[in-house]
Protein backbone atom coordinates (compact mmCIF):
# COMPACT_ATOMS: atom_id res chain seq x y z
CA UNK A 1 0.00 0.00 0.00
CA UNK A 2 1.51 3.35 -1.02
CA UNK A 3 1.40 6.45 1.15
CA UNK A 4 -0.45 9.33 -0.52
CA UNK A 5 0.89 12.73 0.51
CA UNK A 6 -1.64 15.37 1.44
CA UNK A 7 -2.93 17.67 -1.31
CA UNK A 8 -3.92 20.26 1.30
CA UNK A 9 -1.94 22.57 3.54
CA UNK A 10 -3.79 24.27 6.39
CA UNK A 11 -6.68 26.13 4.72
CA UNK A 12 -5.24 25.78 1.19
CA UNK A 13 -6.18 23.01 -1.22
CA UNK A 14 -5.01 22.11 -4.73
CA UNK A 15 -7.22 23.46 -7.48
CA UNK A 16 -5.90 21.88 -10.74
CA UNK A 17 -4.47 18.38 -10.29
CA UNK A 18 -2.64 16.84 -13.24
CA UNK A 19 -0.65 19.91 -14.31
CA UNK A 20 3.07 20.66 -14.05
CA UNK A 21 2.39 23.23 -11.36
CA UNK A 22 -0.01 23.31 -8.46
CA UNK A 23 -2.60 25.99 -7.87
CA UNK A 24 -3.78 26.26 -4.29
CA UNK A 25 -6.55 28.53 -3.07
CA UNK A 26 -7.53 29.70 0.36
CA UNK A 27 -9.06 32.59 2.28
CA UNK A 28 -7.88 34.96 4.97
CA UNK A 29 -10.46 36.69 7.10
CA UNK A 30 -13.80 37.64 5.63
CA UNK A 31 -12.68 39.44 2.49
CA UNK A 32 -9.31 38.15 1.23
CA UNK A 33 -8.82 35.43 -1.36
CA UNK A 34 -5.35 33.89 -1.69
CA UNK A 35 -4.24 31.99 -4.78
CA UNK A 36 -0.81 30.35 -5.00
CA UNK A 37 0.79 28.87 -8.10
CA UNK A 38 3.88 26.75 -7.47
CA UNK A 39 6.10 25.23 -10.13
CA UNK A 40 7.63 21.82 -10.09
CA UNK A 41 11.28 22.09 -9.08
CA UNK A 42 12.74 24.66 -11.48
CA UNK A 43 16.26 25.16 -10.20
CA UNK A 44 18.82 24.22 -7.61
CA UNK A 45 21.95 25.38 -5.86
CA UNK A 46 24.86 23.57 -4.28
CA UNK A 47 25.28 24.02 -0.54
CA UNK A 48 28.53 23.11 1.17
CA UNK A 49 28.12 20.59 3.97
CA UNK A 50 28.97 21.64 7.50
CA UNK A 51 29.66 19.79 10.72
CA UNK A 52 31.40 16.46 11.09
CA UNK A 53 30.79 15.41 7.47
CA UNK A 54 31.85 18.71 5.91
CA UNK A 55 33.26 17.16 2.75
CA UNK A 56 31.39 17.80 -0.49
CA UNK A 57 28.09 19.54 -1.04
CA UNK A 58 24.38 18.87 -1.18
CA UNK A 59 21.80 20.05 -3.71
CA UNK A 60 19.06 22.38 -2.49
CA UNK A 61 16.02 22.39 -4.80
CA UNK A 62 14.09 25.55 -5.78
CA UNK A 63 10.39 26.17 -6.41
CA UNK A 64 8.96 29.39 -7.88
CA UNK A 65 5.80 30.59 -6.17
CA UNK A 66 3.37 33.26 -7.36
CA UNK A 67 1.04 34.46 -4.59
CA UNK A 68 -2.00 36.57 -5.47
CA UNK A 69 -3.93 38.21 -2.64
CA UNK A 70 -7.12 40.04 -3.51
CA UNK A 71 -9.93 41.73 -1.61
CA UNK A 72 -13.55 40.83 -2.24
CA UNK A 73 -14.32 44.34 -3.52
CA UNK A 74 -11.64 43.99 -6.22
CA UNK A 75 -9.91 47.26 -5.30
CA UNK A 76 -6.75 45.92 -3.68
CA UNK A 77 -4.77 43.17 -5.35
CA UNK A 78 -1.16 42.20 -4.78
CA UNK A 79 1.08 39.60 -6.35
CA UNK A 80 4.26 38.28 -4.81
CA UNK A 81 6.86 36.45 -6.89
CA UNK A 82 8.75 34.23 -4.46
CA UNK A 83 11.62 31.77 -4.42
CA UNK A 84 10.88 28.81 -2.14
CA UNK A 85 13.79 26.84 -0.72
CA UNK A 86 13.24 23.90 1.67
CA UNK A 87 13.85 26.12 4.69
CA UNK A 88 12.88 29.66 3.64
CA UNK A 89 10.90 31.87 1.31
CA UNK A 90 12.46 34.83 -0.53
CA UNK A 91 10.25 37.56 -1.97
CA UNK A 92 11.66 38.60 -5.35
CA UNK A 93 9.01 41.11 -6.45
CA UNK A 94 5.79 42.64 -5.17
CA UNK A 95 3.26 44.00 -7.64
CA UNK A 96 0.28 46.23 -6.87
CA UNK A 97 -2.01 45.16 -9.73
CA UNK A 98 -5.20 47.21 -9.44
CA UNK A 99 -3.51 50.58 -9.29
CA UNK A 100 -1.56 49.92 -12.54
CA UNK A 101 1.69 50.28 -10.63
CA UNK A 102 4.47 47.75 -10.37
CA UNK A 103 6.55 48.32 -7.25
CA UNK A 104 9.61 46.47 -6.05
CA UNK A 105 10.08 46.74 -2.29
CA UNK A 106 13.12 46.12 -0.17
CA UNK A 107 11.35 45.44 3.11
CA UNK A 108 11.49 41.66 3.21
CA UNK A 109 10.78 41.35 6.93
CA UNK A 110 7.49 43.28 6.86
CA UNK A 111 6.25 41.50 3.76
CA UNK A 112 7.24 38.07 5.10
CA UNK A 113 5.24 38.81 8.23
CA UNK A 114 2.30 39.87 6.05
CA UNK A 115 2.47 36.52 4.21
CA UNK A 116 3.17 34.53 7.38
CA UNK A 117 -0.08 35.57 9.07
CA UNK A 118 -1.88 34.42 5.92
CA UNK A 119 -0.36 30.94 6.15
CA UNK A 120 2.49 31.39 3.66
CA UNK A 121 5.67 30.67 5.63
CA UNK A 122 8.30 28.06 6.54
CA UNK A 123 5.96 25.08 6.99
CA UNK A 124 4.52 25.76 3.53
CA UNK A 125 8.06 25.66 2.08
CA UNK A 126 8.56 22.18 3.52
CA UNK A 127 5.11 21.04 2.35
CA UNK A 128 5.70 22.26 -1.24
CA UNK A 129 9.05 20.50 -1.45
CA UNK A 130 7.62 17.24 -0.10
CA UNK A 131 4.61 17.52 -2.40
CA UNK A 132 6.62 18.22 -5.55
CA UNK A 133 8.92 15.27 -4.85
CA UNK A 134 5.87 13.00 -5.02
CA UNK A 135 3.71 14.85 -7.58
CA UNK A 136 4.85 12.90 -10.66
CA UNK A 137 4.23 9.60 -8.88
CA UNK A 138 0.81 10.77 -7.65
CA UNK A 139 -0.24 11.88 -11.14
CA UNK A 140 0.93 8.56 -12.62
CA UNK A 141 -1.06 6.60 -10.03
CA UNK A 142 -4.18 8.77 -10.46
CA UNK A 143 -3.81 8.92 -14.27
């Protein structure tokens, strides 16, 4: 019997199974809709080992994540382009979509906190990496 990984994380659930990315949707509060689109692994970097076995390096896999947060009235909409590593999330760009302005901010801590309270934080990074490692197998089994 094979173990099926969860297709849900907290209040988010996958919206389009069978594709090369996952789309997860959720809500925050009464009036915010959150949509996340995560790629399959789309990059990597080598990380030098530390500690007792400090010889060589390990590969750290990368996932691109697009987070769209919109209000029910349609006036405020933001998109975050993020890099997701197994242990952290890096915000690459922030776009204010409704006001026809594209802004790049350099206040990572405040924005990370904004995303964290909406359920987009370290545990999600781990979940996405675990999920993507099994996604091909899941799709083959369900196909």
